[in-house]
Every structure is written in structure tokens, then in C-alpha cells.
Amino acid sequence: MLRHALHRIGLAVPVLFGVLLIGFLLMQVVPTDPATVRAGPQATEDVIAAIRAELGLDQPIYVQFGKYLWRLAHGDLGVSLINNMPVTQELGSTIGPTVELMLAALVWSIPVGIFLGTIAAYWRGSLLDKAVMAVSIAGVSVPVFFLGLVLIWFVGFEWNLLPFTGRGGPLWTLDGLLAIILPAVTLGGVFIGPVARMTRTAVVDTLSAEHVRTARAKGLPEHLVVLRHALRNALIPVVTLIGLQIGFLLGGAVVTETIFSWPGVGRLAVGAILSADFPMAQGTIIVLSAGFILVNLIVDLLYAVLDPRVRQA
């Protein structure tokens, strides 16, 4: 198991390096000059040239990238061009809210999606199966921003049931729990459909397997046959989909955080890009990319837990 984990971590290193390179190059082709952003619109050419030299922007790109990697190796992500604060400090205050939002969205959407897919597979062809599939297709088709705006308008504005702006506080407080409900429902709502559809397909295939028929022949209760023998063996493709969808969920978190003014990494990334704050934008890209890589690493390790044959690959 440890060897499998180390192998997957080794494969993640070049992926992260590629992300760093692409993110750095993308910031180079943006027409806005970082030195002009820091100097301000009224700055003279001499001041801008001095700031370019201070930031190292007058050096070749490969030299800038090398120094950028050296600073990253020492935990230095640079300083914001807008508020002159360290990027690590800004990111440190936004990672927590983003993780809270992701966990709050996943903690209810994954069980609900697996449950709906399982009951649809067990009663396949019935009206319940068709209803679950209709809900799943609707969930896949509805954009994140549309669902968020609908919830804000009805639940937050018209009915005045829940807050819909900002973070009310830590999750262990009542204000924090109330404030995270609408963003978590918005972000997790589009996650249920794919999980339910994949679970249904996998469980339908597993219910006709030989080991499931053997379990029924032994006289095991039906719920144990479905949960222990059918669902558990059907979870590998479901875990694959969950891992991929969590990566896309990071993109949905950017939209959700912007709509609900949630103080997370996604909202910080949008603000940094709009204000041409390149060090901050690069820092958010690194955090979001590292989160995606970490999720895929966890999924790979879950493969080894669910299917021991993967450890030998």
C-alpha cells in the first residue's frame, strides 16, 4: 500500500510542475503589465521601469521562471500588487472557507447520489427509476450559477429563510451553519446527477453477477445482498467518477463563491484576475491545481482499498 502511494505521489510531481509552467506562461501573455499595475495609472516611465527591474520583469522568461520556482521552493508566493500583502497570507485566510464549502457540498451530495442510484438500480424499469433518472438528468443540465441564483431569489430574498451573502462564521456556530447551507446546496446539487447515474449503471451490472446470486442462494437478507455484495463491488467506477467530478467541483466552487460572496480561494482568484494581480492569480492557480491533484491521489488510494488488485499494478 505504501509503495502504491509513493508511486502515485511520484507521478503527481511532473503534473504539478506542468501546471506551474503553464500558469506562469499564461501570466506572461496577458497584455497588462504588472509593473504598471503596481505603479498606478499616473506613474512615469522611469518609475515603471524601476518597478520592472525590482520585480525582475526585465530579465529573460526562463530566468524569471527559475527564480519563481526557487521562491516557491522556499514557500514564497510573492506579494500582491494591489494591497501589497504576502500572497501566502491572503491564501491562508481563504483556503479554510473553500475547504468548508467543498466538504459541506460533498457530505450530503455523495450519499444522496449513491442512495438514489442504488434504489433506481434495484427497482430498475419502475416509475421510481424513471423519476430518479429524470432528476439526475436535470441536475446535470442545470448550470451552477442558475441554481444559485434561483436559491438566492426564492429562499434568501423572497422567503427570507436563509442568509445568502458572505460567511457567517465557523461551521461549529449556528450562524456559520446557516450561512453555508445555500452555497453547499448549490455546489452539491449539480453533483448528485452524475453520481446517481453512475451508481445505477454499476449496481445494475453487479446485481446480475454470480457472487450476488450466490449470496441470495445462501439466504442472506436482501439489504445485506445489495449493500455488502452489490454496492461495495460497484463502488470502484463510482469512486472514479467522484474523483473526476470533485475536480470539476473546484471550478464550480469559483462560481459559487462569487455568487454568494463566499470568502474562498475561488472568489479570490476571480478578483485577482480581474484586477491583474498576477502574483495572487498565480497563487490561487497553484492552490486549486494542488487541490485537484490531491483529490486524484486520494481516489487512487481508495482504489487500492476497494480493490486489492490495484496495489499490484
C-alpha atoms as a PDB file:
ATOM      1  CA  MET A   1       0.000   0.000   0.000  1.00  0.00           C
ATOM      2  CA  LEU A   2       2.832   2.398   0.895  1.00  0.00           C
ATOM      3  CA  ARG A   3       4.646   1.577  -2.336  1.00  0.00           C
ATOM      4  CA  HIS A   4       1.479   2.258  -4.317  1.00  0.00           C
ATOM      5  CA  ALA A   5       1.028   5.608  -2.556  1.00  0.00           C
ATOM      6  CA  LEU A   6       4.641   6.658  -3.178  1.00  0.00           C
ATOM      7  CA  HIS A   7       4.322   5.694  -6.848  1.00  0.00           C
ATOM      8  CA  ARG A   8       1.220   7.855  -7.249  1.00  0.00           C
ATOM      9  CA  ILE A   9       2.872  10.780  -5.468  1.00  0.00           C
ATOM     10  CA  GLY A  10       5.842  10.474  -7.823  1.00  0.00           C
ATOM     11  CA  LEU A  11       3.509  10.686 -10.823  1.00  0.00           C
ATOM     12  CA  ALA A  12       1.860  13.799  -9.377  1.00  0.00           C
ATOM     13  CA  VAL A  13       5.138  15.766  -9.227  1.00  0.00           C
ATOM     14  CA  PRO A  14       5.577  16.288 -13.019  1.00  0.00           C
ATOM     15  CA  VAL A  15       1.881  17.145 -13.303  1.00  0.00           C
ATOM     16  CA  LEU A  16       2.277  19.894 -10.715  1.00  0.00           C
ATOM     17  CA  PHE A  17       5.399  21.161 -12.491  1.00  0.00           C
ATOM     18  CA  GLY A  18       3.451  21.342 -15.753  1.00  0.00           C
ATOM     19  CA  VAL A  19       0.715  23.306 -14.049  1.00  0.00           C
ATOM     20  CA  LEU A  20       3.273  25.749 -12.655  1.00  0.00           C
ATOM     21  CA  LEU A  21       4.844  26.206 -16.085  1.00  0.00           C
ATOM     22  CA  ILE A  22       1.542  26.720 -17.910  1.00  0.00           C
ATOM     23  CA  GLY A  23       0.247  29.083 -15.226  1.00  0.00           C
ATOM     24  CA  PHE A  24       3.460  31.119 -15.385  1.00  0.00           C
ATOM     25  CA  LEU A  25       3.378  31.339 -19.182  1.00  0.00           C
ATOM     26  CA  LEU A  26      -0.281  32.352 -19.199  1.00  0.00           C
ATOM     27  CA  MET A  27       0.519  35.276 -16.929  1.00  0.00           C
ATOM     28  CA  GLN A  28       3.264  36.320 -19.372  1.00  0.00           C
ATOM     29  CA  VAL A  29       0.935  36.640 -22.363  1.00  0.00           C
ATOM     30  CA  VAL A  30      -1.590  38.821 -20.544  1.00  0.00           C
ATOM     31  CA  PRO A  31      -1.413  42.308 -22.104  1.00  0.00           C
ATOM     32  CA  THR A  32      -1.446  44.098 -18.736  1.00  0.00           C
ATOM     33  CA  ASP A  33       1.970  44.965 -17.323  1.00  0.00           C
ATOM     34  CA  PRO A  34       2.380  44.027 -13.617  1.00  0.00           C
ATOM     35  CA  ALA A  35       4.738  46.964 -13.117  1.00  0.00           C
ATOM     36  CA  THR A  36       2.066  49.349 -14.394  1.00  0.00           C
ATOM     37  CA  VAL A  37      -0.499  47.800 -12.052  1.00  0.00           C
ATOM     38  CA  ARG A  38       1.770  48.295  -9.028  1.00  0.00           C
ATOM     39  CA  ALA A  39       2.908  51.783 -10.048  1.00  0.00           C
ATOM     40  CA  GLY A  40      -0.580  53.086 -10.758  1.00  0.00           C
ATOM     41  CA  PRO A  41      -2.031  54.868 -13.785  1.00  0.00           C
ATOM     42  CA  GLN A  42      -0.285  58.182 -13.022  1.00  0.00           C
ATOM     43  CA  ALA A  43       3.243  56.765 -12.762  1.00  0.00           C
ATOM     44  CA  THR A  44       6.009  57.935 -15.075  1.00  0.00           C
ATOM     45  CA  GLU A  45       8.005  55.675 -17.375  1.00  0.00           C
ATOM     46  CA  ASP A  46      11.034  55.902 -15.084  1.00  0.00           C
ATOM     47  CA  VAL A  47       9.025  54.694 -12.105  1.00  0.00           C
ATOM     48  CA  ILE A  48       7.537  51.833 -14.120  1.00  0.00           C
ATOM     49  CA  ALA A  49      10.988  50.830 -15.396  1.00  0.00           C
ATOM     50  CA  ALA A  50      12.343  50.837 -11.821  1.00  0.00           C
ATOM     51  CA  ILE A  51       9.490  48.625 -10.650  1.00  0.00           C
ATOM     52  CA  ARG A  52      10.036  46.247 -13.585  1.00  0.00           C
ATOM     53  CA  ALA A  53      13.674  45.916 -12.549  1.00  0.00           C
ATOM     54  CA  GLU A  54      12.643  45.379  -8.920  1.00  0.00           C
ATOM     55  CA  LEU A  55      10.210  42.644  -9.896  1.00  0.00           C
ATOM     56  CA  GLY A  56      12.717  41.074 -12.299  1.00  0.00           C
ATOM     57  CA  LEU A  57      10.438  41.578 -15.288  1.00  0.00           C
ATOM     58  CA  ASP A  58      13.303  42.939 -17.389  1.00  0.00           C
ATOM     59  CA  GLN A  59      15.040  39.554 -17.354  1.00  0.00           C
ATOM     60  CA  PRO A  60      14.508  36.656 -19.813  1.00  0.00           C
ATOM     61  CA  ILE A  61      11.458  34.496 -19.210  1.00  0.00           C
ATOM     62  CA  TYR A  62      13.467  31.378 -18.347  1.00  0.00           C
ATOM     63  CA  VAL A  63      15.350  33.356 -15.676  1.00  0.00           C
ATOM     64  CA  GLN A  64      12.070  34.654 -14.261  1.00  0.00           C
ATOM     65  CA  PHE A  65      10.659  31.135 -14.188  1.00  0.00           C
ATOM     66  CA  GLY A  66      13.753  29.780 -12.461  1.00  0.00           C
ATOM     67  CA  LYS A  67      13.557  32.445  -9.771  1.00  0.00           C
ATOM     68  CA  TYR A  68       9.829  31.794  -9.475  1.00  0.00           C
ATOM     69  CA  LEU A  69      10.464  28.086  -8.793  1.00  0.00           C
ATOM     70  CA  TRP A  70      13.205  28.989  -6.297  1.00  0.00           C
ATOM     71  CA  ARG A  71      10.824  31.226  -4.378  1.00  0.00           C
ATOM     72  CA  LEU A  72       8.151  28.539  -4.439  1.00  0.00           C
ATOM     73  CA  ALA A  73      10.613  26.017  -3.040  1.00  0.00           C
ATOM     74  CA  HIS A  74      11.076  28.373  -0.088  1.00  0.00           C
ATOM     75  CA  GLY A  75       7.342  28.926   0.368  1.00  0.00           C
ATOM     76  CA  ASP A  76       7.378  32.423  -1.110  1.00  0.00           C
ATOM     77  CA  LEU A  77       4.469  33.092  -3.461  1.00  0.00           C
ATOM     78  CA  GLY A  78       5.239  36.773  -3.816  1.00  0.00           C
ATOM     79  CA  VAL A  79       3.411  39.914  -2.774  1.00  0.00           C
ATOM     80  CA  SER A  80       0.044  41.141  -4.011  1.00  0.00           C
ATOM     81  CA  LEU A  81       0.276  44.002  -6.493  1.00  0.00           C
ATOM     82  CA  ILE A  82      -2.956  45.530  -5.199  1.00  0.00           C
ATOM     83  CA  ASN A  83      -2.783  45.515  -1.390  1.00  0.00           C
ATOM     84  CA  ASN A  84       0.969  44.807  -1.005  1.00  0.00           C
ATOM     85  CA  MET A  85       0.302  41.833   1.288  1.00  0.00           C
ATOM     86  CA  PRO A  86       2.020  38.427   1.046  1.00  0.00           C
ATOM     87  CA  VAL A  87       0.117  36.029  -1.181  1.00  0.00           C
ATOM     88  CA  THR A  88       0.519  33.227   1.354  1.00  0.00           C
ATOM     89  CA  GLN A  89      -1.228  35.327   3.968  1.00  0.00           C
ATOM     90  CA  GLU A  90      -4.185  36.025   1.691  1.00  0.00           C
ATOM     91  CA  LEU A  91      -4.422  32.390   0.625  1.00  0.00           C
ATOM     92  CA  GLY A  92      -4.163  31.217   4.219  1.00  0.00           C
ATOM     93  CA  SER A  93      -7.328  33.101   5.098  1.00  0.00           C
ATOM     94  CA  THR A  94      -9.299  31.744   2.109  1.00  0.00           C
ATOM     95  CA  ILE A  95      -8.334  28.052   1.960  1.00  0.00           C
ATOM     96  CA  GLY A  96     -10.338  27.261   5.108  1.00  0.00           C
ATOM     97  CA  PRO A  97     -13.659  28.641   3.798  1.00  0.00           C
ATOM     98  CA  THR A  98     -13.169  26.851   0.449  1.00  0.00           C
ATOM     99  CA  VAL A  99     -12.492  23.527   2.188  1.00  0.00           C
ATOM    100  CA  GLU A 100     -15.566  24.077   4.373  1.00  0.00           C
ATOM    101  CA  LEU A 101     -17.716  24.711   1.314  1.00  0.00           C
ATOM    102  CA  MET A 102     -16.373  21.671  -0.554  1.00  0.00           C
ATOM    103  CA  LEU A 103     -16.888  19.343   2.414  1.00  0.00           C
ATOM    104  CA  ALA A 104     -20.355  20.729   3.103  1.00  0.00           C
ATOM    105  CA  ALA A 105     -21.311  20.113  -0.525  1.00  0.00           C
ATOM    106  CA  LEU A 106     -19.865  16.596  -0.641  1.00  0.00           C
ATOM    107  CA  VAL A 107     -21.074  15.400   2.746  1.00  0.00           C
ATOM    108  CA  TRP A 108     -24.686  15.414   1.590  1.00  0.00           C
ATOM    109  CA  SER A 109     -24.499  15.087  -2.200  1.00  0.00           C
ATOM    110  CA  ILE A 110     -22.415  11.880  -2.373  1.00  0.00           C
ATOM    111  CA  PRO A 111     -24.639   9.819  -0.012  1.00  0.00           C
ATOM    112  CA  VAL A 112     -27.782  11.151  -1.698  1.00  0.00           C
ATOM    113  CA  GLY A 113     -26.425  10.372  -5.174  1.00  0.00           C
ATOM    114  CA  ILE A 114     -25.354   6.840  -4.207  1.00  0.00           C
ATOM    115  CA  PHE A 115     -28.677   6.217  -2.458  1.00  0.00           C
ATOM    116  CA  LEU A 116     -30.741   7.401  -5.430  1.00  0.00           C
ATOM    117  CA  GLY A 117     -28.646   5.383  -7.873  1.00  0.00           C
ATOM    118  CA  THR A 118     -28.924   2.245  -5.744  1.00  0.00           C
ATOM    119  CA  ILE A 119     -32.699   2.337  -5.370  1.00  0.00           C
ATOM    120  CA  ALA A 120     -33.060   3.150  -9.075  1.00  0.00           C
ATOM    121  CA  ALA A 121     -30.938   0.090  -9.921  1.00  0.00           C
ATOM    122  CA  TYR A 122     -32.819  -2.204  -7.550  1.00  0.00           C
ATOM    123  CA  TRP A 123     -36.214  -1.153  -8.917  1.00  0.00           C
ATOM    124  CA  ARG A 124     -34.973  -0.645 -12.469  1.00  0.00           C
ATOM    125  CA  GLY A 125     -37.657  -0.049 -15.040  1.00  0.00           C
ATOM    126  CA  SER A 126     -40.134   1.174 -12.428  1.00  0.00           C
ATOM    127  CA  LEU A 127     -41.627   4.636 -12.086  1.00  0.00           C
ATOM    128  CA  LEU A 128     -39.188   5.337  -9.248  1.00  0.00           C
ATOM    129  CA  ASP A 129     -36.271   4.502 -11.522  1.00  0.00           C
ATOM    130  CA  LYS A 130     -37.544   6.862 -14.200  1.00  0.00           C
ATOM    131  CA  ALA A 131     -38.098   9.625 -11.641  1.00  0.00           C
ATOM    132  CA  VAL A 132     -34.547   9.276 -10.293  1.00  0.00           C
ATOM    133  CA  MET A 133     -33.093   9.366 -13.795  1.00  0.00           C
ATOM    134  CA  ALA A 134     -35.167  12.431 -14.651  1.00  0.00           C
ATOM    135  CA  VAL A 135     -33.863  14.214 -11.561  1.00  0.00           C
ATOM    136  CA  SER A 136     -30.311  13.141 -12.433  1.00  0.00           C
ATOM    137  CA  ILE A 137     -30.552  14.476 -15.979  1.00  0.00           C
ATOM    138  CA  ALA A 138     -32.000  17.743 -14.679  1.00  0.00           C
ATOM    139  CA  GLY A 139     -29.168  18.017 -12.167  1.00  0.00           C
ATOM    140  CA  VAL A 140     -26.566  17.532 -14.877  1.00  0.00           C
ATOM    141  CA  SER A 141     -28.228  20.058 -17.188  1.00  0.00           C
ATOM    142  CA  VAL A 142     -28.733  22.902 -14.697  1.00  0.00           C
ATOM    143  CA  PRO A 143     -25.713  25.275 -14.503  1.00  0.00           C
ATOM    144  CA  VAL A 144     -24.285  26.095 -11.094  1.00  0.00           C
ATOM    145  CA  PHE A 145     -24.935  29.803 -11.386  1.00  0.00           C
ATOM    146  CA  PHE A 146     -28.593  29.276 -12.356  1.00  0.00           C
ATOM    147  CA  LEU A 147     -29.289  27.041  -9.371  1.00  0.00           C
ATOM    148  CA  GLY A 148     -27.520  29.500  -7.087  1.00  0.00           C
ATOM    149  CA  LEU A 149     -29.475  32.483  -8.371  1.00  0.00           C
ATOM    150  CA  VAL A 150     -32.786  30.610  -8.026  1.00  0.00           C
ATOM    151  CA  LEU A 151     -31.981  29.692  -4.419  1.00  0.00           C
ATOM    152  CA  ILE A 152     -30.910  33.251  -3.638  1.00  0.00           C
ATOM    153  CA  TRP A 153     -34.088  34.705  -5.107  1.00  0.00           C
ATOM    154  CA  PHE A 154     -36.613  32.373  -3.506  1.00  0.00           C
ATOM    155  CA  VAL A 155     -35.027  31.006  -0.328  1.00  0.00           C
ATOM    156  CA  GLY A 156     -32.942  34.034   0.529  1.00  0.00           C
ATOM    157  CA  PHE A 157     -34.795  37.061  -0.846  1.00  0.00           C
ATOM    158  CA  GLU A 158     -38.480  36.182  -1.283  1.00  0.00           C
ATOM    159  CA  TRP A 159     -38.932  33.820   1.690  1.00  0.00           C
ATOM    160  CA  ASN A 160     -36.088  35.238   3.803  1.00  0.00           C
ATOM    161  CA  LEU A 161     -35.299  31.803   5.260  1.00  0.00           C
ATOM    162  CA  LEU A 162     -31.502  31.678   4.999  1.00  0.00           C
ATOM    163  CA  PRO A 163     -28.641  34.165   4.583  1.00  0.00           C
ATOM    164  CA  PHE A 164     -27.102  34.292   1.132  1.00  0.00           C
ATOM    165  CA  THR A 165     -24.181  36.717   1.394  1.00  0.00           C
ATOM    166  CA  GLY A 166     -20.816  36.000   2.961  1.00  0.00           C
ATOM    167  CA  ARG A 167     -19.636  33.547   5.583  1.00  0.00           C
ATOM    168  CA  GLY A 168     -21.459  33.733   8.884  1.00  0.00           C
ATOM    169  CA  GLY A 169     -18.617  32.219  10.892  1.00  0.00           C
ATOM    170  CA  PRO A 170     -17.073  28.820  11.699  1.00  0.00           C
ATOM    171  CA  LEU A 171     -19.144  25.719  10.985  1.00  0.00           C
ATOM    172  CA  TRP A 172     -19.495  24.909  14.667  1.00  0.00           C
ATOM    173  CA  THR A 173     -21.586  28.056  15.168  1.00  0.00           C
ATOM    174  CA  LEU A 174     -25.257  28.460  14.242  1.00  0.00           C
ATOM    175  CA  ASP A 175     -24.560  31.488  12.042  1.00  0.00           C
ATOM    176  CA  GLY A 176     -21.862  29.568  10.188  1.00  0.00           C
ATOM    177  CA  LEU A 177     -24.143  26.592   9.555  1.00  0.00           C
ATOM    178  CA  LEU A 178     -26.983  28.768   8.311  1.00  0.00           C
ATOM    179  CA  ALA A 179     -24.700  30.755   6.008  1.00  0.00           C
ATOM    180  CA  ILE A 180     -23.203  27.681   4.333  1.00  0.00           C
ATOM    181  CA  ILE A 181     -26.485  25.898   3.541  1.00  0.00           C
ATOM    182  CA  LEU A 182     -27.344  27.701   0.305  1.00  0.00           C
ATOM    183  CA  PRO A 183     -23.781  27.629  -1.144  1.00  0.00           C
ATOM    184  CA  ALA A 184     -23.432  23.949  -0.206  1.00  0.00           C
ATOM    185  CA  VAL A 185     -26.787  23.053  -1.758  1.00  0.00           C
ATOM    186  CA  THR A 186     -25.867  24.976  -4.911  1.00  0.00           C
ATOM    187  CA  LEU A 187     -22.462  23.353  -5.266  1.00  0.00           C
ATOM    188  CA  GLY A 188     -23.628  19.859  -4.321  1.00  0.00           C
ATOM    189  CA  GLY A 189     -26.847  19.993  -6.327  1.00  0.00           C
ATOM    190  CA  VAL A 190     -25.063  19.566  -9.650  1.00  0.00           C
ATOM    191  CA  PHE A 191     -23.030  16.699  -8.171  1.00  0.00           C
ATOM    192  CA  ILE A 192     -25.943  14.368  -7.409  1.00  0.00           C
ATOM    193  CA  GLY A 193     -26.932  13.629 -11.002  1.00  0.00           C
ATOM    194  CA  PRO A 194     -23.643  12.134 -12.284  1.00  0.00           C
ATOM    195  CA  VAL A 195     -23.135  10.100  -9.088  1.00  0.00           C
ATOM    196  CA  ALA A 196     -26.676   8.708  -9.205  1.00  0.00           C
ATOM    197  CA  ARG A 197     -26.421   7.722 -12.871  1.00  0.00           C
ATOM    198  CA  MET A 198     -23.044   6.033 -12.482  1.00  0.00           C
ATOM    199  CA  THR A 199     -24.171   4.240  -9.312  1.00  0.00           C
ATOM    200  CA  ARG A 200     -27.281   2.936 -11.053  1.00  0.00           C
ATOM    201  CA  THR A 201     -25.280   1.599 -14.004  1.00  0.00           C
ATOM    202  CA  ALA A 202     -22.663  -0.058 -11.789  1.00  0.00           C
ATOM    203  CA  VAL A 203     -25.186  -1.611  -9.382  1.00  0.00           C
ATOM    204  CA  VAL A 204     -27.352  -2.955 -12.233  1.00  0.00           C
ATOM    205  CA  ASP A 205     -24.318  -4.765 -13.632  1.00  0.00           C
ATOM    206  CA  THR A 206     -23.304  -6.080 -10.210  1.00  0.00           C
ATOM    207  CA  LEU A 207     -26.766  -7.348  -9.238  1.00  0.00           C
ATOM    208  CA  SER A 208     -26.592  -9.898 -12.050  1.00  0.00           C
ATOM    209  CA  ALA A 209     -23.120 -11.104 -11.049  1.00  0.00           C
ATOM    210  CA  GLU A 210     -22.525 -14.653  -9.868  1.00  0.00           C
ATOM    211  CA  HIS A 211     -21.394 -13.750  -6.360  1.00  0.00           C
ATOM    212  CA  VAL A 212     -24.638 -11.806  -5.784  1.00  0.00           C
ATOM    213  CA  ARG A 213     -26.710 -14.807  -6.872  1.00  0.00           C
ATOM    214  CA  THR A 214     -24.643 -16.977  -4.536  1.00  0.00           C
ATOM    215  CA  ALA A 215     -25.280 -14.597  -1.631  1.00  0.00           C
ATOM    216  CA  ARG A 216     -29.016 -14.760  -2.278  1.00  0.00           C
ATOM    217  CA  ALA A 217     -28.894 -18.537  -2.513  1.00  0.00           C
ATOM    218  CA  LYS A 218     -27.319 -18.638   0.947  1.00  0.00           C
ATOM    219  CA  GLY A 219     -30.407 -16.899   2.322  1.00  0.00           C
ATOM    220  CA  LEU A 220     -28.821 -13.562   3.240  1.00  0.00           C
ATOM    221  CA  PRO A 221     -31.247 -10.680   3.829  1.00  0.00           C
ATOM    222  CA  GLU A 222     -31.856  -8.617   0.723  1.00  0.00           C
ATOM    223  CA  HIS A 223     -30.473  -5.400   2.201  1.00  0.00           C
ATOM    224  CA  LEU A 224     -27.169  -7.165   3.004  1.00  0.00           C
ATOM    225  CA  VAL A 225     -27.019  -8.583  -0.509  1.00  0.00           C
ATOM    226  CA  VAL A 226     -27.474  -5.135  -2.030  1.00  0.00           C
ATOM    227  CA  LEU A 227     -25.228  -3.195   0.366  1.00  0.00           C
ATOM    228  CA  ARG A 228     -22.445  -5.660   1.096  1.00  0.00           C
ATOM    229  CA  HIS A 229     -22.174  -7.654  -2.127  1.00  0.00           C
ATOM    230  CA  ALA A 230     -23.613  -5.463  -4.879  1.00  0.00           C
ATOM    231  CA  LEU A 231     -22.954  -1.865  -3.861  1.00  0.00           C
ATOM    232  CA  ARG A 232     -19.478  -2.403  -2.433  1.00  0.00           C
ATOM    233  CA  ASN A 233     -18.271  -4.068  -5.625  1.00  0.00           C
ATOM    234  CA  ALA A 234     -19.905  -1.358  -7.717  1.00  0.00           C
ATOM    235  CA  LEU A 235     -18.147   1.488  -5.929  1.00  0.00           C
ATOM    236  CA  ILE A 236     -14.920   1.472  -7.979  1.00  0.00           C
ATOM    237  CA  PRO A 237     -16.387   3.196 -11.075  1.00  0.00           C
ATOM    238  CA  VAL A 238     -18.407   5.427  -8.746  1.00  0.00           C
ATOM    239  CA  VAL A 239     -15.251   6.469  -6.895  1.00  0.00           C
ATOM    240  CA  THR A 240     -13.619   7.158 -10.274  1.00  0.00           C
ATOM    241  CA  LEU A 241     -16.445   9.471 -11.239  1.00  0.00           C
ATOM    242  CA  ILE A 242     -16.469  11.157  -7.824  1.00  0.00           C
ATOM    243  CA  GLY A 243     -12.769  11.890  -8.107  1.00  0.00           C
ATOM    244  CA  LEU A 244     -13.177  13.434 -11.549  1.00  0.00           C
ATOM    245  CA  GLN A 245     -16.276  15.370 -10.543  1.00  0.00           C
ATOM    246  CA  ILE A 246     -14.597  16.780  -7.437  1.00  0.00           C
ATOM    247  CA  GLY A 247     -12.011  18.269  -9.754  1.00  0.00           C
ATOM    248  CA  PHE A 248     -14.774  19.933 -11.750  1.00  0.00           C
ATOM    249  CA  LEU A 249     -16.372  20.892  -8.454  1.00  0.00           C
ATOM    250  CA  LEU A 250     -13.396  23.170  -7.809  1.00  0.00           C
ATOM    251  CA  GLY A 251     -14.413  25.114 -10.896  1.00  0.00           C
ATOM    252  CA  GLY A 252     -17.982  25.204  -9.635  1.00  0.00           C
ATOM    253  CA  ALA A 253     -16.688  26.498  -6.308  1.00  0.00           C
ATOM    254  CA  VAL A 254     -15.262  29.541  -8.115  1.00  0.00           C
ATOM    255  CA  VAL A 255     -18.712  30.394  -9.468  1.00  0.00           C
ATOM    256  CA  THR A 256     -20.489  29.565  -6.206  1.00  0.00           C
ATOM    257  CA  GLU A 257     -18.122  31.643  -4.095  1.00  0.00           C
ATOM    258  CA  THR A 258     -18.543  34.591  -6.447  1.00  0.00           C
ATOM    259  CA  ILE A 259     -22.349  34.392  -6.410  1.00  0.00           C
ATOM    260  CA  PHE A 260     -22.637  34.079  -2.630  1.00  0.00           C
ATOM    261  CA  SER A 261     -19.670  36.374  -1.817  1.00  0.00           C
ATOM    262  CA  TRP A 262     -18.048  33.439  -0.058  1.00  0.00           C
ATOM    263  CA  PRO A 263     -14.506  34.413   1.036  1.00  0.00           C
ATOM    264  CA  GLY A 264     -12.735  31.440  -0.538  1.00  0.00           C
ATOM    265  CA  VAL A 265      -9.923  30.781  -2.981  1.00  0.00           C
ATOM    266  CA  GLY A 266     -12.264  30.835  -5.999  1.00  0.00           C
ATOM    267  CA  ARG A 267     -13.569  34.316  -5.239  1.00  0.00           C
ATOM    268  CA  LEU A 268     -10.010  35.477  -4.554  1.00  0.00           C
ATOM    269  CA  ALA A 269      -8.921  34.072  -7.943  1.00  0.00           C
ATOM    270  CA  VAL A 270     -11.668  35.929  -9.786  1.00  0.00           C
ATOM    271  CA  GLY A 271     -10.783  39.192  -8.048  1.00  0.00           C
ATOM    272  CA  ALA A 272      -7.074  38.722  -8.735  1.00  0.00           C
ATOM    273  CA  ILE A 273      -7.618  38.052 -12.437  1.00  0.00           C
ATOM    274  CA  LEU A 274      -9.992  40.990 -12.873  1.00  0.00           C
ATOM    275  CA  SER A 275      -7.579  43.364 -11.118  1.00  0.00           C
ATOM    276  CA  ALA A 276      -4.487  41.956 -12.936  1.00  0.00           C
ATOM    277  CA  ASP A 277      -2.915  40.939  -9.625  1.00  0.00           C
ATOM    278  CA  PHE A 278      -0.578  38.361 -11.176  1.00  0.00           C
ATOM    279  CA  PRO A 279       1.177  37.011  -8.054  1.00  0.00           C
ATOM    280  CA  MET A 280      -2.191  36.478  -6.395  1.00  0.00           C
ATOM    281  CA  ALA A 281      -3.638  34.866  -9.526  1.00  0.00           C
ATOM    282  CA  GLN A 282      -0.659  32.502  -9.781  1.00  0.00           C
ATOM    283  CA  GLY A 283      -1.014  31.618  -6.106  1.00  0.00           C
ATOM    284  CA  THR A 284      -4.675  30.731  -6.489  1.00  0.00           C
ATOM    285  CA  ILE A 285      -3.894  28.632  -9.579  1.00  0.00           C
ATOM    286  CA  ILE A 286      -1.301  26.700  -7.575  1.00  0.00           C
ATOM    287  CA  VAL A 287      -3.726  26.066  -4.700  1.00  0.00           C
ATOM    288  CA  LEU A 288      -6.599  24.972  -6.948  1.00  0.00           C
ATOM    289  CA  SER A 289      -4.321  22.754  -9.038  1.00  0.00           C
ATOM    290  CA  ALA A 290      -2.769  21.195  -5.944  1.00  0.00           C
ATOM    291  CA  GLY A 291      -6.266  20.520  -4.640  1.00  0.00           C
ATOM    292  CA  PHE A 292      -7.191  18.756  -7.881  1.00  0.00           C
ATOM    293  CA  ILE A 293      -4.011  16.642  -7.768  1.00  0.00           C
ATOM    294  CA  LEU A 294      -4.597  15.795  -4.086  1.00  0.00           C
ATOM    295  CA  VAL A 295      -8.149  14.660  -4.818  1.00  0.00           C
ATOM    296  CA  ASN A 296      -6.966  12.368  -7.607  1.00  0.00           C
ATOM    297  CA  LEU A 297      -4.270  10.964  -5.311  1.00  0.00           C
ATOM    298  CA  ILE A 298      -6.885  10.167  -2.678  1.00  0.00           C
ATOM    299  CA  VAL A 299      -9.025   8.482  -5.337  1.00  0.00           C
ATOM    300  CA  ASP A 300      -6.067   6.331  -6.410  1.00  0.00           C
ATOM    301  CA  LEU A 301      -5.544   5.250  -2.809  1.00  0.00           C
ATOM    302  CA  LEU A 302      -9.235   4.432  -2.467  1.00  0.00           C
ATOM    303  CA  TYR A 303      -8.868   2.146  -5.481  1.00  0.00           C
ATOM    304  CA  ALA A 304      -6.307   0.135  -3.551  1.00  0.00           C
ATOM    305  CA  VAL A 305      -8.654  -0.091  -0.557  1.00  0.00           C
ATOM    306  CA  LEU A 306     -11.657  -1.204  -2.609  1.00  0.00           C
ATOM    307  CA  ASP A 307      -9.772  -3.488  -4.991  1.00  0.00           C
ATOM    308  CA  PRO A 308      -6.505  -5.059  -3.748  1.00  0.00           C
ATOM    309  CA  ARG A 309      -5.560  -5.948  -7.321  1.00  0.00           C
ATOM    310  CA  VAL A 310      -4.793  -2.275  -7.953  1.00  0.00           C
ATOM    311  CA  ARG A 311      -1.922  -2.400  -5.437  1.00  0.00           C
ATOM    312  CA  GLN A 312      -0.106  -4.850  -7.698  1.00  0.00           C
ATOM    313  CA  ALA A 313      -0.357  -2.579 -10.755  1.00  0.00           C
END
